[in-house]
Amino acid sequence: MIGLASEQNHAWLKDRGVIPVEYGQDVAEGIRQASGGIVDAFIDTFGDGYVELAVELGVRPERINTIIDWQAAARVGARTR
């Protein structure tokens, strides 16, 4: 499992078995590197382009879930639960 977070939260994620990736520039590349190039699901709890990021990473729309970006979900066919 990979989690996007600021550097100050990376230790917390690691303690829970999550591979941390820093927010910001080149986040897609950071996720690709952390995942070995395979991302099969994406949960968005923040909005602001993360549904589109999941699509860019090759995640199938039915494996994308957002609790905030309903417009993007409607555009790509992602879930909103």
C-alpha atoms as a PDB file:
ATOM      1  CA  MET A   1       0.000   0.000   0.000  1.00  0.00           C
ATOM      2  CA  ILE A   2       1.224   3.488  -0.875  1.00  0.00           C
ATOM      3  CA  GLY A   3       0.199   6.678   0.900  1.00  0.00           C
ATOM      4  CA  LEU A   4       0.638  10.282  -0.208  1.00  0.00           C
ATOM      5  CA  ALA A   5       1.695  12.489   2.670  1.00  0.00           C
ATOM      6  CA  SER A   6       3.989  15.288   3.701  1.00  0.00           C
ATOM      7  CA  GLU A   7       7.438  14.278   4.946  1.00  0.00           C
ATOM      8  CA  GLN A   8       6.421  14.832   8.573  1.00  0.00           C
ATOM      9  CA  ASN A   9       3.893  11.975   8.277  1.00  0.00           C
ATOM     10  CA  HIS A  10       6.129   9.427   6.560  1.00  0.00           C
ATOM     11  CA  ALA A  11       7.260   7.709   9.766  1.00  0.00           C
ATOM     12  CA  TRP A  12       3.633   7.241  10.844  1.00  0.00           C
ATOM     13  CA  LEU A  13       2.804   5.631   7.497  1.00  0.00           C
ATOM     14  CA  LYS A  14       5.894   3.387   7.591  1.00  0.00           C
ATOM     15  CA  ASP A  15       4.953   2.210  11.084  1.00  0.00           C
ATOM     16  CA  ARG A  16       1.693   0.969   9.571  1.00  0.00           C
ATOM     17  CA  GLY A  17       3.275  -0.810   6.614  1.00  0.00           C
ATOM     18  CA  VAL A  18       2.502   1.927   4.101  1.00  0.00           C
ATOM     19  CA  ILE A  19       5.087   3.121   1.573  1.00  0.00           C
ATOM     20  CA  PRO A  20       5.086   6.923   1.795  1.00  0.00           C
ATOM     21  CA  VAL A  21       5.300   9.198  -1.240  1.00  0.00           C
ATOM     22  CA  GLU A  22       5.773  12.962  -0.904  1.00  0.00           C
ATOM     23  CA  TYR A  23       3.110  15.349  -2.214  1.00  0.00           C
ATOM     24  CA  GLY A  24       4.093  17.857  -4.873  1.00  0.00           C
ATOM     25  CA  GLN A  25       5.894  17.852  -8.178  1.00  0.00           C
ATOM     26  CA  ASP A  26       6.383  14.489  -9.854  1.00  0.00           C
ATOM     27  CA  VAL A  27       3.959  12.711  -7.524  1.00  0.00           C
ATOM     28  CA  ALA A  28       2.941  10.396 -10.388  1.00  0.00           C
ATOM     29  CA  GLU A  29       6.567   9.346 -10.869  1.00  0.00           C
ATOM     30  CA  GLY A  30       6.970   8.841  -7.116  1.00  0.00           C
ATOM     31  CA  ILE A  31       3.945   6.558  -7.064  1.00  0.00           C
ATOM     32  CA  ARG A  32       5.193   4.647 -10.103  1.00  0.00           C
ATOM     33  CA  GLN A  33       8.568   4.080  -8.457  1.00  0.00           C
ATOM     34  CA  ALA A  34       7.041   3.041  -5.128  1.00  0.00           C
ATOM     35  CA  SER A  35       4.622   0.641  -6.830  1.00  0.00           C
ATOM     36  CA  GLY A  36       7.033  -0.884  -9.303  1.00  0.00           C
ATOM     37  CA  GLY A  37       4.940   0.677 -12.066  1.00  0.00           C
ATOM     38  CA  ILE A  38       1.690  -1.094 -11.237  1.00  0.00           C
ATOM     39  CA  VAL A  39      -1.124   0.801  -9.531  1.00  0.00           C
ATOM     40  CA  ASP A  40      -4.348  -1.201  -9.446  1.00  0.00           C
ATOM     41  CA  ALA A  41      -6.551   0.913  -7.154  1.00  0.00           C
ATOM     42  CA  PHE A  42      -6.718   4.478  -5.870  1.00  0.00           C
ATOM     43  CA  ILE A  43      -8.699   6.062  -3.022  1.00  0.00           C
ATOM     44  CA  ASP A  44      -9.021   9.847  -3.085  1.00  0.00           C
ATOM     45  CA  THR A  45      -9.939  11.560   0.169  1.00  0.00           C
ATOM     46  CA  PHE A  46      -8.641  15.001  -0.758  1.00  0.00           C
ATOM     47  CA  GLY A  47      -9.806  15.982  -4.247  1.00  0.00           C
ATOM     48  CA  ASP A  48      -7.939  18.508  -6.397  1.00  0.00           C
ATOM     49  CA  GLY A  49      -6.879  16.305  -9.299  1.00  0.00           C
ATOM     50  CA  TYR A  50      -6.383  12.924  -7.670  1.00  0.00           C
ATOM     51  CA  VAL A  51      -9.014  11.147  -9.751  1.00  0.00           C
ATOM     52  CA  GLU A  52      -7.183  12.364 -12.856  1.00  0.00           C
ATOM     53  CA  LEU A  53      -3.888  11.263 -11.303  1.00  0.00           C
ATOM     54  CA  ALA A  54      -5.290   7.763 -10.833  1.00  0.00           C
ATOM     55  CA  VAL A  55      -6.335   7.672 -14.489  1.00  0.00           C
ATOM     56  CA  GLU A  56      -2.866   8.889 -15.510  1.00  0.00           C
ATOM     57  CA  LEU A  57      -1.376   6.046 -13.468  1.00  0.00           C
ATOM     58  CA  GLY A  58      -3.461   3.548 -15.433  1.00  0.00           C
ATOM     59  CA  VAL A  59      -6.011   2.674 -12.756  1.00  0.00           C
ATOM     60  CA  ARG A  60      -9.281   1.383 -14.209  1.00  0.00           C
ATOM     61  CA  PRO A  61     -12.179   3.739 -13.369  1.00  0.00           C
ATOM     62  CA  GLU A  62     -14.060   1.076 -11.397  1.00  0.00           C
ATOM     63  CA  ARG A  63     -10.976   0.784  -9.132  1.00  0.00           C
ATOM     64  CA  ILE A  64     -10.921   4.547  -8.373  1.00  0.00           C
ATOM     65  CA  ASN A  65     -12.941   5.817  -5.438  1.00  0.00           C
ATOM     66  CA  THR A  66     -13.320   9.419  -4.300  1.00  0.00           C
ATOM     67  CA  ILE A  67     -15.235  10.835  -1.373  1.00  0.00           C
ATOM     68  CA  ILE A  68     -14.965  14.409  -2.604  1.00  0.00           C
ATOM     69  CA  ASP A  69     -14.422  14.902  -6.359  1.00  0.00           C
ATOM     70  CA  TRP A  70     -17.802  13.844  -7.724  1.00  0.00           C
ATOM     71  CA  GLN A  71     -17.422  15.789 -10.980  1.00  0.00           C
ATOM     72  CA  ALA A  72     -14.174  14.043 -11.877  1.00  0.00           C
ATOM     73  CA  ALA A  73     -15.696  10.706 -10.893  1.00  0.00           C
ATOM     74  CA  ALA A  74     -18.622  11.317 -13.224  1.00  0.00           C
ATOM     75  CA  ARG A  75     -16.267  12.235 -16.085  1.00  0.00           C
ATOM     76  CA  VAL A  76     -14.194   9.050 -15.829  1.00  0.00           C
ATOM     77  CA  GLY A  77     -16.712   6.605 -14.349  1.00  0.00           C
ATOM     78  CA  ALA A  78     -15.060   6.337 -10.927  1.00  0.00           C
ATOM     79  CA  ARG A  79     -16.864   5.405  -7.723  1.00  0.00           C
ATOM     80  CA  THR A  80     -18.029   7.872  -5.085  1.00  0.00           C
ATOM     81  CA  ARG A  81     -18.535   5.732  -1.983  1.00  0.00           C
END
